[in-house]
Amino acid sequence: MRLDRSQAETLLQRMQGRKVAVLGDVMLDEYLFGEVNRISPEAPVPIVRVLRERVVLGGAANVASNLKALGAEPLLIGTLQKDAAGDRVLGLLTGMGVSISGLVLDNSRPTIIKTRVIGQQQQMLRIDREDAGPPDAAVLLGLKDRLERALGGASALIVSDYAKGTVNMPVMDAVREICGAQNIPWVVDPKPAHKLLYRGATLMTPNTKEASELTGHPARSDMEVTIAGRDLIAELGLKGLLVTRSERGMALFSQDEGHAAPWMIPTEAREVFDVSGAGDTVIAAFSAAIATGADWREAAMLANAAAGVVVAKMGTATATPDEILAHYREQEAN
């Protein structure tokens, strides 16, 4: 079974203006593109002559960017400092029409920057500038306040955890309480070290490496994914699981299937150029779809198609409804 273009178009139309909250670590992704012609005389490393630069939203901010590209209305909750990187994040968000009212100023830590150096169209180096750790009491209170306000009008919540400090026990206790009381589905892009923070989530979207680390079992073959998925759902009391498997597509454990056997979804990508941020695209598209009340299978297939669009682009990217529908038209033509 595959989602056809008319079904995808209906889902995308229903997403328009749908409010989806995003809680997580806000970052700035910086790309330095250049050419490599020689090795440094100072050390056995290539010299990259930078030809152009690009900055885009990263982390939870990229999830918000993906939601906006799809036509949903993201409500971003996170922290940043009023430094140069923070100003660029704020400028990018406001430029695309994403509200910044859910962001909390944290003067104790710099805004996170991930710099990727690209030479001859290959990533050669990544430089992370960050100060990870739990926020102080005042910032924590601010996060819980912004979360409560956002969930007052949201149809779903995405937890985009990069283990930098925004996602912590007090905040996740508030997530469980509010989402439970208001019957709001919450979907987690996890970090294995924070496994116990995700107890009771509606659904998680680990990749195979994360699924293996979360369970202590291998998760490559269909059978291995099935065993790991069942264990994870039982241990954390999840309602479902969506395991992203790179070239093998996805495995969806849904409520309808009783967690007995996952539904295997083949990959949609024709050419993989860069997988950076593909997980953000998957969780954004899936969550925006279920926020409209969509069937989980349909939501997963749409997320799969959106990821197929994004991995064909260089760097952290998004997929628009027009690009996704063009992807379906291409499939029909073939």
Foldseek 3Di string as FASTA:
>chain_A
DADFLVNLVVLLVLLAAAEEEEFEAKAKEKEFEFAWDDADPVDRHTDGDTDDMDIDIDFSLLLQVQSVQSNYAYQYAEEAAPDPRVVVSVVRCVVSPHDPVRYDHANVWHHWYWYFYAYPLRTDDIDIGTDADAGDPVRLVSRLVSVLVSLVRHLAYEYGYPRRHRQDQVSLVSVCVSCVVVVHAYEYADDLVCLQSCAPHQEYEEEQVSLCSNQVFHCQDQVRVLVSQVVSCVVRVYQWYWYQYVQQGIWIQHNVVVSNHTDGDGALAPDFSAQVQLSSLLVSQLRSSVSSVDDNVNSNSLSRLFSNQQRVDPDSDYGHSVRSSVSSVVVVVD
